[in-house]
Amino acid sequence: MHWAKHCCRSILSVVWFEKNEAECRLIVERINRSTATVLVIGVGAPKQEIWISKYKSQLPQIDIFMAVGASIDFEAGNKPRSPQWMSNAGIEWLYRLYCEPKRLWRRYFVDDLPFFWFILKQKLKRN
């Protein structure tokens, strides 16, 4: 079987699909009917990671799960990357917040706080 025949399959869904159990079941069924062994999902963090965690047990033929977030938009040229110096300094998130404050403020300053607390606790344990 030639890989190019099966390398690119897409399943488009409605906005906020992850909140609709019926829509999620349809997506799982469509993936299971495919010959895919790699699933690439780019709906943004943490939605894509939560979705993968919830449904991966229902996708037995998928060997590799890739949560790529905004990478698809960056590569397609739909969203600009941060200046190289910001990427190198690990603060690309700050540039993204500057570009999309209404969309990202909650994610960075509310939803991600438990993650930063976890990192701090881990660092304190090592010392």
N, C-alpha and C. Protein backbone atom coordinates (compact mmCIF):
# COMPACT_ATOMS: atom_id res chain seq x y z
N MET A 1 0.84 -1.16 0.00
CA MET A 1 0.00 0.00 0.00
C MET A 1 0.90 1.24 0.00
N HIS A 2 0.64 2.15 -0.88
CA HIS A 2 1.43 3.36 -0.99
C HIS A 2 1.01 4.36 0.08
N TRP A 3 1.98 4.91 0.83
CA TRP A 3 1.66 5.76 1.97
C TRP A 3 0.91 7.01 1.58
N ALA A 4 1.16 7.58 0.40
CA ALA A 4 0.53 8.84 0.01
C ALA A 4 -0.99 8.72 -0.10
N LYS A 5 -1.48 7.53 -0.40
CA LYS A 5 -2.93 7.35 -0.51
C LYS A 5 -3.62 7.52 0.84
N HIS A 6 -2.90 7.32 1.92
CA HIS A 6 -3.51 7.33 3.24
C HIS A 6 -2.88 8.33 4.20
N CYS A 7 -2.03 9.21 3.71
CA CYS A 7 -1.31 10.07 4.64
C CYS A 7 -2.15 11.24 5.13
N CYS A 8 -3.04 11.72 4.36
CA CYS A 8 -3.79 12.91 4.77
C CYS A 8 -5.29 12.65 4.72
N ARG A 9 -5.87 12.60 5.87
CA ARG A 9 -7.32 12.49 6.00
C ARG A 9 -7.73 13.59 6.95
N SER A 10 -8.86 14.18 6.73
CA SER A 10 -9.30 15.20 7.67
C SER A 10 -10.74 14.94 8.08
N ILE A 11 -11.02 15.30 9.29
CA ILE A 11 -12.38 15.23 9.81
C ILE A 11 -12.68 16.60 10.37
N LEU A 12 -13.52 17.31 9.67
CA LEU A 12 -13.88 18.64 10.12
C LEU A 12 -15.07 18.55 11.06
N SER A 13 -15.11 19.45 11.99
CA SER A 13 -16.17 19.41 12.97
C SER A 13 -16.67 20.81 13.25
N VAL A 14 -17.74 20.89 13.98
CA VAL A 14 -18.30 22.18 14.35
C VAL A 14 -17.47 22.81 15.46
N VAL A 15 -17.58 24.11 15.59
CA VAL A 15 -16.90 24.81 16.66
C VAL A 15 -17.44 24.31 18.00
N TRP A 16 -16.56 24.20 18.98
CA TRP A 16 -16.90 23.71 20.31
C TRP A 16 -17.37 22.25 20.29
N PHE A 17 -16.91 21.48 19.32
CA PHE A 17 -17.31 20.08 19.21
C PHE A 17 -17.03 19.29 20.48
N GLU A 18 -15.95 19.66 21.19
CA GLU A 18 -15.55 18.88 22.37
C GLU A 18 -16.58 18.95 23.50
N LYS A 19 -17.49 19.91 23.44
CA LYS A 19 -18.54 20.02 24.45
C LYS A 19 -19.80 19.23 24.06
N ASN A 20 -19.78 18.66 22.87
CA ASN A 20 -20.95 17.95 22.35
C ASN A 20 -20.61 16.45 22.24
N GLU A 21 -21.11 15.67 23.19
CA GLU A 21 -20.78 14.24 23.25
C GLU A 21 -21.17 13.51 21.97
N ALA A 22 -22.33 13.86 21.39
CA ALA A 22 -22.77 13.20 20.15
C ALA A 22 -21.79 13.50 19.01
N GLU A 23 -21.33 14.72 18.93
CA GLU A 23 -20.36 15.10 17.90
C GLU A 23 -19.05 14.35 18.11
N CYS A 24 -18.62 14.23 19.35
CA CYS A 24 -17.39 13.50 19.65
C CYS A 24 -17.51 12.03 19.28
N ARG A 25 -18.65 11.43 19.55
CA ARG A 25 -18.85 10.02 19.16
C ARG A 25 -18.77 9.86 17.65
N LEU A 26 -19.33 10.81 16.90
CA LEU A 26 -19.25 10.75 15.43
C LEU A 26 -17.80 10.86 14.96
N ILE A 27 -17.05 11.73 15.59
CA ILE A 27 -15.64 11.89 15.22
C ILE A 27 -14.88 10.60 15.50
N VAL A 28 -15.09 10.00 16.66
CA VAL A 28 -14.43 8.74 17.00
C VAL A 28 -14.80 7.66 16.00
N GLU A 29 -16.07 7.57 15.64
CA GLU A 29 -16.51 6.58 14.64
C GLU A 29 -15.83 6.80 13.30
N ARG A 30 -15.74 8.05 12.86
CA ARG A 30 -15.11 8.35 11.57
C ARG A 30 -13.63 8.00 11.60
N ILE A 31 -12.97 8.30 12.71
CA ILE A 31 -11.54 7.95 12.83
C ILE A 31 -11.39 6.43 12.79
N ASN A 32 -12.23 5.71 13.51
CA ASN A 32 -12.15 4.25 13.56
C ASN A 32 -12.46 3.61 12.22
N ARG A 33 -13.26 4.25 11.38
CA ARG A 33 -13.55 3.71 10.05
C ARG A 33 -12.40 3.97 9.08
N SER A 34 -11.50 4.87 9.46
CA SER A 34 -10.38 5.20 8.59
C SER A 34 -9.27 4.17 8.78
N THR A 35 -8.22 4.31 7.99
CA THR A 35 -7.04 3.45 8.15
C THR A 35 -5.94 4.17 8.91
N ALA A 36 -6.28 5.29 9.51
CA ALA A 36 -5.28 6.12 10.19
C ALA A 36 -4.67 5.40 11.39
N THR A 37 -3.37 5.60 11.57
CA THR A 37 -2.67 5.13 12.77
C THR A 37 -2.05 6.30 13.52
N VAL A 38 -2.11 7.47 12.92
CA VAL A 38 -1.61 8.70 13.54
C VAL A 38 -2.74 9.71 13.55
N LEU A 39 -2.97 10.32 14.71
CA LEU A 39 -4.00 11.34 14.82
C LEU A 39 -3.34 12.66 15.18
N VAL A 40 -3.54 13.67 14.33
CA VAL A 40 -3.03 15.00 14.57
C VAL A 40 -4.23 15.88 14.86
N ILE A 41 -4.23 16.51 16.02
CA ILE A 41 -5.35 17.36 16.40
C ILE A 41 -4.81 18.74 16.77
N GLY A 42 -5.40 19.76 16.18
CA GLY A 42 -4.94 21.12 16.40
C GLY A 42 -6.08 22.06 16.73
N VAL A 43 -6.62 21.91 17.91
CA VAL A 43 -7.71 22.80 18.33
C VAL A 43 -7.30 23.67 19.51
N GLY A 44 -6.07 23.60 19.90
CA GLY A 44 -5.58 24.44 20.98
C GLY A 44 -5.57 23.75 22.32
N ALA A 45 -4.64 24.20 23.13
CA ALA A 45 -4.50 23.67 24.49
C ALA A 45 -5.50 24.40 25.40
N PRO A 46 -6.00 23.74 26.35
CA PRO A 46 -5.84 22.34 26.69
C PRO A 46 -6.91 21.45 26.06
N LYS A 47 -7.75 22.03 25.18
CA LYS A 47 -8.87 21.25 24.61
C LYS A 47 -8.38 19.99 23.91
N GLN A 48 -7.32 20.09 23.13
CA GLN A 48 -6.86 18.93 22.36
C GLN A 48 -6.32 17.84 23.27
N GLU A 49 -5.60 18.22 24.32
CA GLU A 49 -5.06 17.23 25.25
C GLU A 49 -6.17 16.55 26.05
N ILE A 50 -7.15 17.33 26.46
CA ILE A 50 -8.29 16.77 27.19
C ILE A 50 -9.07 15.81 26.30
N TRP A 51 -9.28 16.20 25.04
CA TRP A 51 -10.02 15.34 24.11
C TRP A 51 -9.27 14.03 23.89
N ILE A 52 -7.97 14.12 23.64
CA ILE A 52 -7.17 12.92 23.43
C ILE A 52 -7.23 12.02 24.66
N SER A 53 -7.06 12.58 25.83
CA SER A 53 -7.10 11.79 27.06
C SER A 53 -8.44 11.09 27.23
N LYS A 54 -9.51 11.77 26.90
CA LYS A 54 -10.85 11.21 27.09
C LYS A 54 -11.17 10.11 26.07
N TYR A 55 -10.71 10.24 24.83
CA TYR A 55 -11.14 9.33 23.77
C TYR A 55 -10.08 8.37 23.26
N LYS A 56 -8.85 8.46 23.73
CA LYS A 56 -7.80 7.60 23.18
C LYS A 56 -8.09 6.11 23.36
N SER A 57 -8.75 5.75 24.43
CA SER A 57 -9.07 4.32 24.65
C SER A 57 -10.09 3.81 23.64
N GLN A 58 -10.82 4.71 23.01
CA GLN A 58 -11.80 4.33 21.99
C GLN A 58 -11.21 4.33 20.59
N LEU A 59 -9.92 4.61 20.48
CA LEU A 59 -9.24 4.69 19.19
C LEU A 59 -8.08 3.68 19.17
N PRO A 60 -8.39 2.38 19.17
CA PRO A 60 -7.34 1.37 19.34
C PRO A 60 -6.31 1.30 18.21
N GLN A 61 -6.68 1.72 17.01
CA GLN A 61 -5.72 1.62 15.91
C GLN A 61 -4.77 2.81 15.84
N ILE A 62 -5.02 3.84 16.65
CA ILE A 62 -4.14 5.01 16.64
C ILE A 62 -2.92 4.72 17.52
N ASP A 63 -1.76 4.75 16.88
CA ASP A 63 -0.50 4.50 17.58
C ASP A 63 0.13 5.78 18.11
N ILE A 64 -0.09 6.87 17.38
CA ILE A 64 0.54 8.15 17.72
C ILE A 64 -0.52 9.23 17.76
N PHE A 65 -0.58 9.94 18.88
CA PHE A 65 -1.47 11.09 19.03
C PHE A 65 -0.60 12.34 19.07
N MET A 66 -0.90 13.31 18.23
CA MET A 66 -0.12 14.55 18.20
C MET A 66 -1.05 15.74 18.43
N ALA A 67 -0.85 16.44 19.52
CA ALA A 67 -1.60 17.66 19.80
C ALA A 67 -0.73 18.83 19.36
N VAL A 68 -1.06 19.45 18.25
CA VAL A 68 -0.17 20.43 17.64
C VAL A 68 -0.62 21.88 17.80
N GLY A 69 -1.80 22.10 18.35
CA GLY A 69 -2.25 23.46 18.65
C GLY A 69 -2.14 24.42 17.48
N ALA A 70 -1.52 25.54 17.74
CA ALA A 70 -1.44 26.62 16.74
C ALA A 70 -0.41 26.35 15.65
N SER A 71 0.31 25.26 15.74
CA SER A 71 1.32 24.96 14.72
C SER A 71 0.74 24.94 13.31
N ILE A 72 -0.48 24.45 13.20
CA ILE A 72 -1.12 24.40 11.88
C ILE A 72 -1.32 25.82 11.35
N ASP A 73 -1.83 26.72 12.21
CA ASP A 73 -2.02 28.11 11.79
C ASP A 73 -0.70 28.79 11.46
N PHE A 74 0.35 28.50 12.24
CA PHE A 74 1.65 29.10 11.96
C PHE A 74 2.18 28.64 10.60
N GLU A 75 2.14 27.34 10.36
CA GLU A 75 2.66 26.79 9.11
C GLU A 75 1.85 27.22 7.90
N ALA A 76 0.54 27.41 8.10
CA ALA A 76 -0.33 27.85 6.99
C ALA A 76 -0.22 29.35 6.75
N GLY A 77 0.46 30.05 7.65
CA GLY A 77 0.59 31.50 7.49
C GLY A 77 -0.63 32.27 7.97
N ASN A 78 -1.52 31.61 8.71
CA ASN A 78 -2.71 32.28 9.21
C ASN A 78 -2.44 33.14 10.44
N LYS A 79 -1.41 32.78 11.19
CA LYS A 79 -1.03 33.54 12.39
C LYS A 79 0.47 33.76 12.37
N PRO A 80 0.89 34.96 12.79
CA PRO A 80 2.34 35.22 12.77
C PRO A 80 3.04 34.58 13.96
N ARG A 81 4.27 34.17 13.74
CA ARG A 81 5.13 33.70 14.83
C ARG A 81 5.70 34.92 15.54
N SER A 82 6.16 34.70 16.74
CA SER A 82 6.79 35.79 17.48
C SER A 82 8.15 36.09 16.86
N PRO A 83 8.72 37.25 17.19
CA PRO A 83 10.10 37.51 16.76
C PRO A 83 11.02 36.40 17.30
N GLN A 84 12.05 36.11 16.55
CA GLN A 84 12.94 35.00 16.90
C GLN A 84 13.50 35.14 18.31
N TRP A 85 13.84 36.34 18.73
CA TRP A 85 14.42 36.52 20.06
C TRP A 85 13.43 36.11 21.15
N MET A 86 12.12 36.33 20.91
CA MET A 86 11.12 35.93 21.90
C MET A 86 11.00 34.41 21.94
N SER A 87 11.03 33.78 20.78
CA SER A 87 11.00 32.31 20.72
C SER A 87 12.21 31.73 21.44
N ASN A 88 13.37 32.29 21.17
CA ASN A 88 14.61 31.81 21.79
C ASN A 88 14.58 31.97 23.31
N ALA A 89 13.92 33.03 23.78
CA ALA A 89 13.85 33.30 25.22
C ALA A 89 12.72 32.52 25.90
N GLY A 90 11.92 31.80 25.11
CA GLY A 90 10.83 31.00 25.68
C GLY A 90 9.61 31.83 26.06
N ILE A 91 9.46 32.99 25.44
CA ILE A 91 8.31 33.84 25.78
C ILE A 91 7.41 34.11 24.57
N GLU A 92 7.35 33.14 23.67
CA GLU A 92 6.45 33.29 22.53
C GLU A 92 5.01 33.45 23.00
N TRP A 93 4.70 32.83 24.14
CA TRP A 93 3.35 32.96 24.69
C TRP A 93 2.99 34.42 24.96
N LEU A 94 3.97 35.25 25.34
CA LEU A 94 3.72 36.65 25.61
C LEU A 94 3.35 37.40 24.32
N TYR A 95 4.03 37.07 23.25
CA TYR A 95 3.71 37.66 21.94
C TYR A 95 2.30 37.25 21.50
N ARG A 96 1.98 35.98 21.70
CA ARG A 96 0.64 35.51 21.33
C ARG A 96 -0.43 36.20 22.16
N LEU A 97 -0.15 36.41 23.43
CA LEU A 97 -1.09 37.12 24.30
C LEU A 97 -1.27 38.56 23.81
N TYR A 98 -0.20 39.20 23.40
CA TYR A 98 -0.26 40.56 22.86
C TYR A 98 -1.12 40.60 21.59
N CYS A 99 -0.98 39.59 20.73
CA CYS A 99 -1.73 39.55 19.47
C CYS A 99 -3.19 39.17 19.65
N GLU A 100 -3.50 38.32 20.63
CA GLU A 100 -4.86 37.83 20.83
C GLU A 100 -5.26 37.88 22.31
N PRO A 101 -5.29 39.06 22.90
CA PRO A 101 -5.54 39.12 24.35
C PRO A 101 -6.93 38.61 24.75
N LYS A 102 -7.96 38.91 23.98
CA LYS A 102 -9.31 38.47 24.35
C LYS A 102 -9.45 36.96 24.35
N ARG A 103 -8.75 36.31 23.45
CA ARG A 103 -8.85 34.86 23.34
C ARG A 103 -7.94 34.13 24.32
N LEU A 104 -6.77 34.68 24.61
CA LEU A 104 -5.76 33.94 25.35
C LEU A 104 -5.58 34.33 26.81
N TRP A 105 -6.09 35.47 27.26
CA TRP A 105 -5.81 35.90 28.62
C TRP A 105 -6.26 34.87 29.64
N ARG A 106 -7.47 34.33 29.45
CA ARG A 106 -7.98 33.37 30.43
C ARG A 106 -7.12 32.10 30.45
N ARG A 107 -6.75 31.62 29.27
CA ARG A 107 -5.93 30.41 29.20
C ARG A 107 -4.62 30.59 29.96
N TYR A 108 -3.96 31.72 29.72
CA TYR A 108 -2.64 31.92 30.32
C TYR A 108 -2.68 32.29 31.79
N PHE A 109 -3.66 33.09 32.20
CA PHE A 109 -3.66 33.61 33.56
C PHE A 109 -4.63 32.93 34.51
N VAL A 110 -5.52 32.10 34.00
CA VAL A 110 -6.46 31.38 34.87
C VAL A 110 -6.27 29.87 34.69
N ASP A 111 -6.45 29.39 33.47
CA ASP A 111 -6.41 27.94 33.22
C ASP A 111 -5.02 27.35 33.45
N ASP A 112 -3.96 28.10 33.16
CA ASP A 112 -2.60 27.56 33.27
C ASP A 112 -2.00 27.70 34.68
N LEU A 113 -2.65 28.42 35.58
CA LEU A 113 -2.08 28.60 36.92
C LEU A 113 -1.82 27.28 37.65
N PRO A 114 -2.73 26.30 37.59
CA PRO A 114 -2.41 25.03 38.25
C PRO A 114 -1.14 24.37 37.69
N PHE A 115 -0.91 24.51 36.40
CA PHE A 115 0.28 23.95 35.78
C PHE A 115 1.54 24.63 36.33
N PHE A 116 1.52 25.95 36.42
CA PHE A 116 2.68 26.66 36.95
C PHE A 116 2.91 26.33 38.43
N TRP A 117 1.85 26.13 39.19
CA TRP A 117 1.97 25.73 40.59
C TRP A 117 2.63 24.35 40.68
N PHE A 118 2.25 23.45 39.80
CA PHE A 118 2.84 22.11 39.76
C PHE A 118 4.34 22.20 39.48
N ILE A 119 4.73 23.01 38.52
CA ILE A 119 6.15 23.18 38.19
C ILE A 119 6.91 23.75 39.39
N LEU A 120 6.34 24.75 40.03
CA LEU A 120 6.99 25.34 41.19
C LEU A 120 7.18 24.31 42.30
N LYS A 121 6.16 23.51 42.56
CA LYS A 121 6.27 22.47 43.59
C LYS A 121 7.37 21.47 43.24
N GLN A 122 7.45 21.09 41.96
CA GLN A 122 8.49 20.15 41.54
C GLN A 122 9.88 20.74 41.73
N LYS A 123 10.04 22.01 41.40
CA LYS A 123 11.35 22.65 41.55
C LYS A 123 11.74 22.76 43.02
N LEU A 124 10.76 23.06 43.87
CA LEU A 124 11.04 23.17 45.30
C LEU A 124 11.40 21.83 45.91
N LYS A 125 10.80 20.75 45.40
CA LYS A 125 11.11 19.40 45.89
C LYS A 125 12.56 19.02 45.62
N ARG A 126 13.09 19.45 44.49
CA ARG A 126 14.45 19.11 44.09
C ARG A 126 15.49 19.82 44.94
N ASN A 127 15.14 20.97 45.48
CA ASN A 127 16.10 21.76 46.26
C ASN A 127 16.11 21.40 47.68
